[in-house]
Amino acid sequence: MFYQKILDQIQDEIQPLLGQCPPADYIPALAEADNTAFGMSVYTVEGEHYQVGAADTPFSIQSISKVYNLTLAMRFIGDDFLKRVGVEPSGTAFNSLSQLEYEHGIPRNPFINAGALVLTDTIISNSCNPYQVLLDFVRTTSGNETVEYDERVFQSEYDHGHRNAALVSYLRSFGNIKNTSDAVLKTYFYQCALKMSCNDLARSFSYLANAGRLPSSRSPIITSRQTRRINSLMMTCGTYDEAGEFAFHVGLPCKSGVGGGVLAVVPQKMVICAWSPGLNSKGNSMVATRALQLFTEKTGLSVF
């Protein structure tokens, strides 16, 4: 019950922070999220599970889905994804167009929007029904057959995704998009609109803490080498242009989303997911970030 006690303490300590930051407002459907909500879940490689708060409340996972994107791209084409996407931190906003010009249409990494759009294009090229491929994968890894996408969030992103549309067009001008722009955008918005809880996400990404295998079934998802690569990219690029702050304060590979979720991996031990919709100026959940910092401080778990 050690980890449950830690989660209970964290829930008490973050209470004064709830409601201080607004939810994402550039996607109208996300602007209505309750910024006083908080949930946190821990899933260990031994199959133990601990939770606190609204850990079973589904929310829009947004950019956390980029980890699924990268995993599927690796399953389809292995290291060939590196021909079209880099692995360096961007140092710019997640939806920036500026670097594509002088880097000849090769996005810096898979976790900025441009990189995720290129990998979405890769998945479309290697599957007959990319929506179903993604949904089947998420349902299998999370053990939750009811996981679905939010039609309202999808439509809201599609109607207001002008910068992402510009990114696709710009990438196409360099020959780095092969499928139709509309197909790429719709598939990308679909994955971002997936609704999952902290419990779903912690369980679903447990393969990242277990050398590429799901602890629940021992089923291989990716190789141990690919797992190390994803975790390294989460550490250096997973939290927009705040990755250095996360490495300094949290010390774990993390991936965030503007829906307020933050996923963290402790290799060989566990996956943690914290959620609260209020975002800081970098687009990361202020409360979830603090909760993860408290977790590593109280447990001593860090990759450093």
Protein backbone atom coordinates (compact mmCIF):
# COMPACT_ATOMS: atom_id res chain seq x y z
CA MET A 1 0.00 0.00 0.00
CA PHE A 2 3.08 2.27 -0.16
CA TYR A 3 2.14 3.78 -3.53
CA GLN A 4 -1.49 4.25 -2.53
CA LYS A 5 -0.38 6.22 0.50
CA ILE A 6 1.82 8.39 -1.74
CA LEU A 7 -1.07 9.07 -4.13
CA ASP A 8 -3.34 10.02 -1.25
CA GLN A 9 -0.73 12.46 0.03
CA ILE A 10 -0.32 13.98 -3.44
CA GLN A 11 -4.06 14.48 -3.82
CA ASP A 12 -4.12 16.40 -0.54
CA GLU A 13 -1.12 18.55 -1.43
CA ILE A 14 -2.30 19.63 -4.90
CA GLN A 15 -5.75 20.81 -3.75
CA PRO A 16 -4.76 24.52 -3.49
CA LEU A 17 -3.56 24.43 -7.14
CA LEU A 18 -6.80 23.18 -8.67
CA GLY A 19 -8.65 25.77 -10.74
CA GLN A 20 -5.70 28.15 -11.01
CA CYS A 21 -5.05 27.57 -14.73
CA PRO A 22 -7.56 27.51 -17.61
CA PRO A 23 -8.12 24.52 -19.89
CA ALA A 24 -7.14 24.62 -23.57
CA ASP A 25 -9.26 27.23 -25.34
CA TYR A 26 -8.04 27.04 -28.96
CA ILE A 27 -10.12 23.86 -29.34
CA PRO A 28 -13.62 24.97 -28.28
CA ALA A 29 -14.71 21.49 -27.13
CA LEU A 30 -11.78 21.35 -24.69
CA ALA A 31 -12.45 24.79 -23.25
CA GLU A 32 -15.43 23.41 -21.33
CA ALA A 33 -13.32 20.95 -19.28
CA ASP A 34 -13.52 21.23 -15.48
CA ASN A 35 -10.16 22.66 -14.43
CA THR A 36 -10.78 21.60 -10.81
CA ALA A 37 -10.73 17.90 -11.73
CA PHE A 38 -7.76 15.68 -10.84
CA GLY A 39 -6.95 12.02 -11.23
CA MET A 40 -3.80 9.91 -10.97
CA SER A 41 -3.06 6.25 -11.64
CA VAL A 42 -0.07 3.93 -11.18
CA TYR A 43 0.28 0.58 -12.96
CA THR A 44 3.31 -1.56 -12.16
CA VAL A 45 5.05 -4.22 -14.25
CA GLU A 46 3.87 -6.74 -11.64
CA GLY A 47 0.28 -5.83 -12.52
CA GLU A 48 -0.41 -3.87 -9.34
CA HIS A 49 -2.71 -0.88 -9.71
CA TYR A 50 -3.23 2.19 -7.54
CA GLN A 51 -5.40 5.24 -8.17
CA VAL A 52 -6.72 8.43 -6.65
CA GLY A 53 -9.31 11.05 -7.54
CA ALA A 54 -10.95 10.95 -10.98
CA ALA A 55 -8.57 8.29 -12.30
CA ASP A 56 -11.37 6.46 -14.09
CA THR A 57 -12.83 9.58 -15.79
CA PRO A 58 -12.24 9.59 -19.57
CA PHE A 59 -10.71 12.72 -21.09
CA SER A 60 -9.36 13.76 -24.48
CA ILE A 61 -5.84 12.35 -24.66
CA GLN A 62 -4.72 14.74 -27.44
CA SER A 63 -0.92 14.61 -27.95
CA ILE A 64 -0.42 11.61 -25.69
CA SER A 65 -1.73 9.74 -28.74
CA LYS A 66 1.53 10.60 -30.53
CA VAL A 67 3.18 7.81 -28.54
CA TYR A 68 0.68 5.37 -30.09
CA ASN A 69 1.47 6.93 -33.45
CA LEU A 70 5.20 6.34 -33.04
CA THR A 71 4.68 2.81 -31.72
CA LEU A 72 2.54 1.85 -34.72
CA ALA A 73 4.94 3.47 -37.18
CA MET A 74 7.79 1.46 -35.66
CA ARG A 75 5.73 -1.72 -35.94
CA PHE A 76 5.04 -1.02 -39.60
CA ILE A 77 8.39 0.26 -40.90
CA GLY A 78 10.96 -0.05 -38.10
CA ASP A 79 13.79 2.48 -38.25
CA ASP A 80 12.73 3.72 -41.68
CA PHE A 81 10.62 6.36 -39.96
CA LEU A 82 13.92 8.16 -39.32
CA LYS A 83 14.14 8.97 -43.04
CA ARG A 84 11.18 11.32 -42.65
CA VAL A 85 11.29 12.52 -39.01
CA GLY A 86 14.19 13.56 -36.77
CA VAL A 87 14.84 12.87 -33.09
CA GLU A 88 16.00 16.25 -31.80
CA PRO A 89 14.14 18.57 -29.39
CA SER A 90 12.51 21.41 -31.27
CA GLY A 91 12.81 24.26 -28.78
CA THR A 92 9.73 25.79 -30.40
CA ALA A 93 5.98 25.47 -29.93
CA PHE A 94 4.43 22.10 -30.76
CA ASN A 95 2.52 23.54 -33.75
CA SER A 96 5.30 25.72 -35.15
CA LEU A 97 5.95 25.93 -38.90
CA SER A 98 9.21 27.87 -38.69
CA GLN A 99 11.76 25.02 -38.60
CA LEU A 100 10.36 23.16 -41.61
CA GLU A 101 11.68 25.75 -44.07
CA TYR A 102 15.38 25.55 -43.23
CA GLU A 103 15.26 21.83 -42.37
CA HIS A 104 13.75 20.96 -45.75
CA GLY A 105 10.46 19.55 -44.55
CA ILE A 106 11.90 17.04 -42.03
CA PRO A 107 10.19 17.61 -38.64
CA ARG A 108 12.49 17.74 -35.65
CA ASN A 109 10.84 14.84 -33.78
CA PRO A 110 7.70 12.64 -33.73
CA PHE A 111 6.08 14.53 -30.85
CA ILE A 112 5.63 17.94 -32.44
CA ASN A 113 2.58 18.22 -34.69
CA ALA A 114 4.55 18.16 -37.93
CA GLY A 115 6.31 14.93 -36.93
CA ALA A 116 3.07 13.30 -35.80
CA LEU A 117 1.41 14.22 -39.10
CA VAL A 118 4.21 12.54 -41.05
CA LEU A 119 3.88 9.37 -38.96
CA THR A 120 0.10 9.48 -39.41
CA ASP A 121 0.75 9.53 -43.15
CA THR A 122 3.00 6.46 -42.70
CA ILE A 123 0.28 4.57 -40.83
CA ILE A 124 -2.29 5.38 -43.52
CA SER A 125 0.09 4.03 -46.18
CA ASN A 126 0.51 0.76 -44.29
CA SER A 127 -3.08 -0.03 -43.28
CA CYS A 128 -6.45 -0.38 -44.98
CA ASN A 129 -8.34 1.24 -42.10
CA PRO A 130 -6.05 3.40 -39.94
CA TYR A 131 -8.91 4.40 -37.61
CA GLN A 132 -9.63 0.77 -36.78
CA VAL A 133 -5.95 -0.16 -36.50
CA LEU A 134 -5.45 2.55 -33.90
CA LEU A 135 -8.65 1.81 -32.00
CA ASP A 136 -7.96 -1.94 -31.91
CA PHE A 137 -4.44 -1.29 -30.64
CA VAL A 138 -5.60 1.04 -27.89
CA ARG A 139 -8.40 -1.26 -26.77
CA THR A 140 -6.06 -4.26 -26.68
CA THR A 141 -3.26 -2.58 -24.74
CA SER A 142 -5.61 -0.87 -22.26
CA GLY A 143 -7.79 -3.94 -21.78
CA ASN A 144 -10.82 -1.69 -22.25
CA GLU A 145 -13.06 -2.55 -25.19
CA THR A 146 -15.21 0.53 -24.58
CA VAL A 147 -12.49 3.07 -25.48
CA GLU A 148 -13.85 5.36 -28.19
CA TYR A 149 -13.20 8.72 -29.75
CA ASP A 150 -15.12 11.90 -29.00
CA GLU A 151 -16.98 12.99 -32.14
CA ARG A 152 -17.49 16.51 -30.80
CA VAL A 153 -13.78 17.01 -30.07
CA PHE A 154 -12.90 15.55 -33.47
CA GLN A 155 -15.24 17.95 -35.26
CA SER A 156 -14.03 20.89 -33.19
CA GLU A 157 -10.42 20.16 -34.10
CA TYR A 158 -11.30 19.62 -37.75
CA ASP A 159 -13.19 22.90 -37.93
CA HIS A 160 -10.44 24.89 -36.20
CA GLY A 161 -7.30 22.98 -37.25
CA HIS A 162 -6.03 25.59 -39.69
CA ARG A 163 -2.45 25.50 -38.48
CA ASN A 164 -2.32 21.72 -38.78
CA ALA A 165 -3.75 22.02 -42.29
CA ALA A 166 -0.96 24.50 -43.07
CA LEU A 167 1.61 22.06 -41.68
CA VAL A 168 0.34 19.26 -43.92
CA SER A 169 0.44 21.49 -46.99
CA TYR A 170 3.94 22.67 -46.12
CA LEU A 171 5.14 19.10 -45.54
CA ARG A 172 3.60 18.09 -48.88
CA SER A 173 5.55 20.82 -50.65
CA PHE A 174 8.73 18.99 -49.56
CA GLY A 175 7.37 15.58 -50.59
CA ASN A 176 7.01 14.38 -47.00
CA ILE A 177 3.27 13.65 -47.17
CA LYS A 178 2.11 10.88 -49.54
CA ASN A 179 -1.63 10.59 -48.87
CA THR A 180 -4.34 13.20 -49.29
CA SER A 181 -4.22 16.12 -46.88
CA ASP A 182 -7.77 15.47 -45.75
CA ALA A 183 -7.04 11.81 -44.96
CA VAL A 184 -3.98 12.73 -42.92
CA LEU A 185 -5.76 15.48 -41.00
CA LYS A 186 -8.84 13.39 -40.22
CA THR A 187 -6.76 10.45 -39.01
CA TYR A 188 -4.62 12.75 -36.88
CA PHE A 189 -7.64 14.48 -35.33
CA TYR A 190 -9.25 11.09 -34.71
CA GLN A 191 -6.30 9.87 -32.65
CA CYS A 192 -6.17 13.14 -30.68
CA ALA A 193 -9.90 12.85 -29.94
CA LEU A 194 -9.58 9.44 -28.26
CA LYS A 195 -11.17 9.45 -24.79
CA MET A 196 -9.30 7.50 -22.11
CA SER A 197 -8.89 7.66 -18.35
CA CYS A 198 -5.70 7.74 -16.30
CA ASN A 199 -6.30 4.05 -15.55
CA ASP A 200 -6.65 3.25 -19.27
CA LEU A 201 -3.49 5.13 -20.20
CA ALA A 202 -1.31 3.76 -17.41
CA ARG A 203 -2.30 0.20 -18.30
CA SER A 204 -2.11 0.79 -22.05
CA PHE A 205 1.44 2.13 -22.00
CA SER A 206 2.74 -0.45 -19.54
CA TYR A 207 4.80 -1.99 -22.35
CA LEU A 208 7.07 1.07 -22.16
CA ALA A 209 8.06 0.08 -18.63
CA ASN A 210 8.44 -3.59 -19.47
CA ALA A 211 10.88 -3.86 -22.40
CA GLY A 212 8.10 -3.70 -24.97
CA ARG A 213 5.79 -6.34 -23.48
CA LEU A 214 2.41 -5.95 -21.81
CA PRO A 215 2.77 -7.14 -18.19
CA SER A 216 -0.80 -8.42 -18.19
CA SER A 217 -0.30 -10.91 -21.02
CA ARG A 218 3.46 -10.88 -21.71
CA SER A 219 2.49 -10.08 -25.31
CA PRO A 220 5.25 -8.30 -27.26
CA ILE A 221 4.21 -4.90 -28.58
CA ILE A 222 7.60 -3.62 -29.75
CA THR A 223 11.20 -4.66 -29.17
CA SER A 224 13.18 -3.64 -26.10
CA ARG A 225 15.37 -1.50 -28.37
CA GLN A 226 12.36 0.33 -29.76
CA THR A 227 11.06 0.79 -26.23
CA ARG A 228 14.29 2.49 -25.17
CA ARG A 229 14.06 4.79 -28.17
CA ILE A 230 10.49 5.84 -27.42
CA ASN A 231 11.35 6.50 -23.77
CA SER A 232 14.37 8.56 -24.77
CA LEU A 233 12.22 10.66 -27.11
CA MET A 234 9.65 11.16 -24.37
CA MET A 235 12.39 12.43 -22.09
CA THR A 236 13.85 14.89 -24.60
CA CYS A 237 10.78 15.87 -26.66
CA GLY A 238 7.62 14.67 -24.92
CA THR A 239 6.44 17.81 -23.14
CA TYR A 240 6.54 20.43 -25.88
CA ASP A 241 9.17 23.11 -25.26
CA GLU A 242 9.21 22.37 -21.53
CA ALA A 243 11.14 19.08 -21.75
CA GLY A 244 14.12 20.47 -19.86
CA GLU A 245 11.91 21.54 -16.97
CA PHE A 246 10.34 18.07 -16.81
CA ALA A 247 13.75 16.37 -16.85
CA PHE A 248 14.93 18.71 -14.09
CA HIS A 249 11.88 18.52 -11.82
CA VAL A 250 10.32 15.12 -12.63
CA GLY A 251 13.24 13.11 -14.00
CA LEU A 252 11.17 10.62 -15.98
CA PRO A 253 10.25 10.11 -19.64
CA CYS A 254 6.92 11.94 -20.04
CA LYS A 255 4.36 12.70 -22.72
CA SER A 256 1.71 15.35 -22.23
CA GLY A 257 -1.44 16.43 -24.04
CA VAL A 258 -3.47 19.63 -24.02
CA GLY A 259 -6.41 17.66 -22.64
CA GLY A 260 -4.53 17.88 -19.32
CA GLY A 261 -3.03 14.39 -19.17
CA VAL A 262 0.64 13.64 -18.53
CA LEU A 263 2.05 10.13 -18.89
CA ALA A 264 5.30 9.12 -17.16
CA VAL A 265 7.39 5.95 -17.40
CA VAL A 266 9.64 4.44 -14.76
CA PRO A 267 11.56 1.81 -16.79
CA GLN A 268 11.36 -1.72 -15.37
CA LYS A 269 8.93 -0.53 -12.69
CA MET A 270 5.70 1.28 -13.64
CA VAL A 271 3.72 3.75 -15.68
CA ILE A 272 2.04 6.76 -14.05
CA CYS A 273 -0.67 8.97 -15.51
CA ALA A 274 -1.83 12.22 -13.92
CA TRP A 275 -4.62 14.43 -15.25
CA SER A 276 -6.02 17.87 -14.59
CA PRO A 277 -7.27 20.10 -17.45
CA GLY A 278 -5.76 23.45 -16.35
CA LEU A 279 -2.74 24.24 -18.55
CA ASN A 280 0.33 26.39 -17.99
CA SER A 281 1.76 28.71 -20.65
CA LYS A 282 3.58 25.82 -22.36
CA GLY A 283 0.41 23.75 -22.80
CA ASN A 284 1.14 21.26 -20.03
CA SER A 285 -1.14 20.54 -17.07
CA MET A 286 0.13 22.56 -14.14
CA VAL A 287 -1.40 20.27 -11.52
CA ALA A 288 -0.44 16.99 -13.24
CA THR A 289 3.13 18.24 -13.59
CA ARG A 290 3.29 19.08 -9.90
CA ALA A 291 1.73 15.73 -8.98
CA LEU A 292 4.42 13.85 -10.91
CA GLN A 293 7.14 15.96 -9.31
CA LEU A 294 5.76 15.13 -5.88
CA PHE A 295 5.62 11.44 -6.80
CA THR A 296 9.30 11.28 -7.76
CA GLU A 297 10.33 13.32 -4.73
CA LYS A 298 8.39 11.09 -2.33
CA THR A 299 9.40 7.77 -3.90
CA GLY A 300 12.92 8.59 -5.10
CA LEU A 301 12.08 7.06 -8.48
CA SER A 302 13.93 8.76 -11.33
CA VAL A 303 16.09 7.80 -14.30
CA PHE A 304 18.83 10.04 -12.91
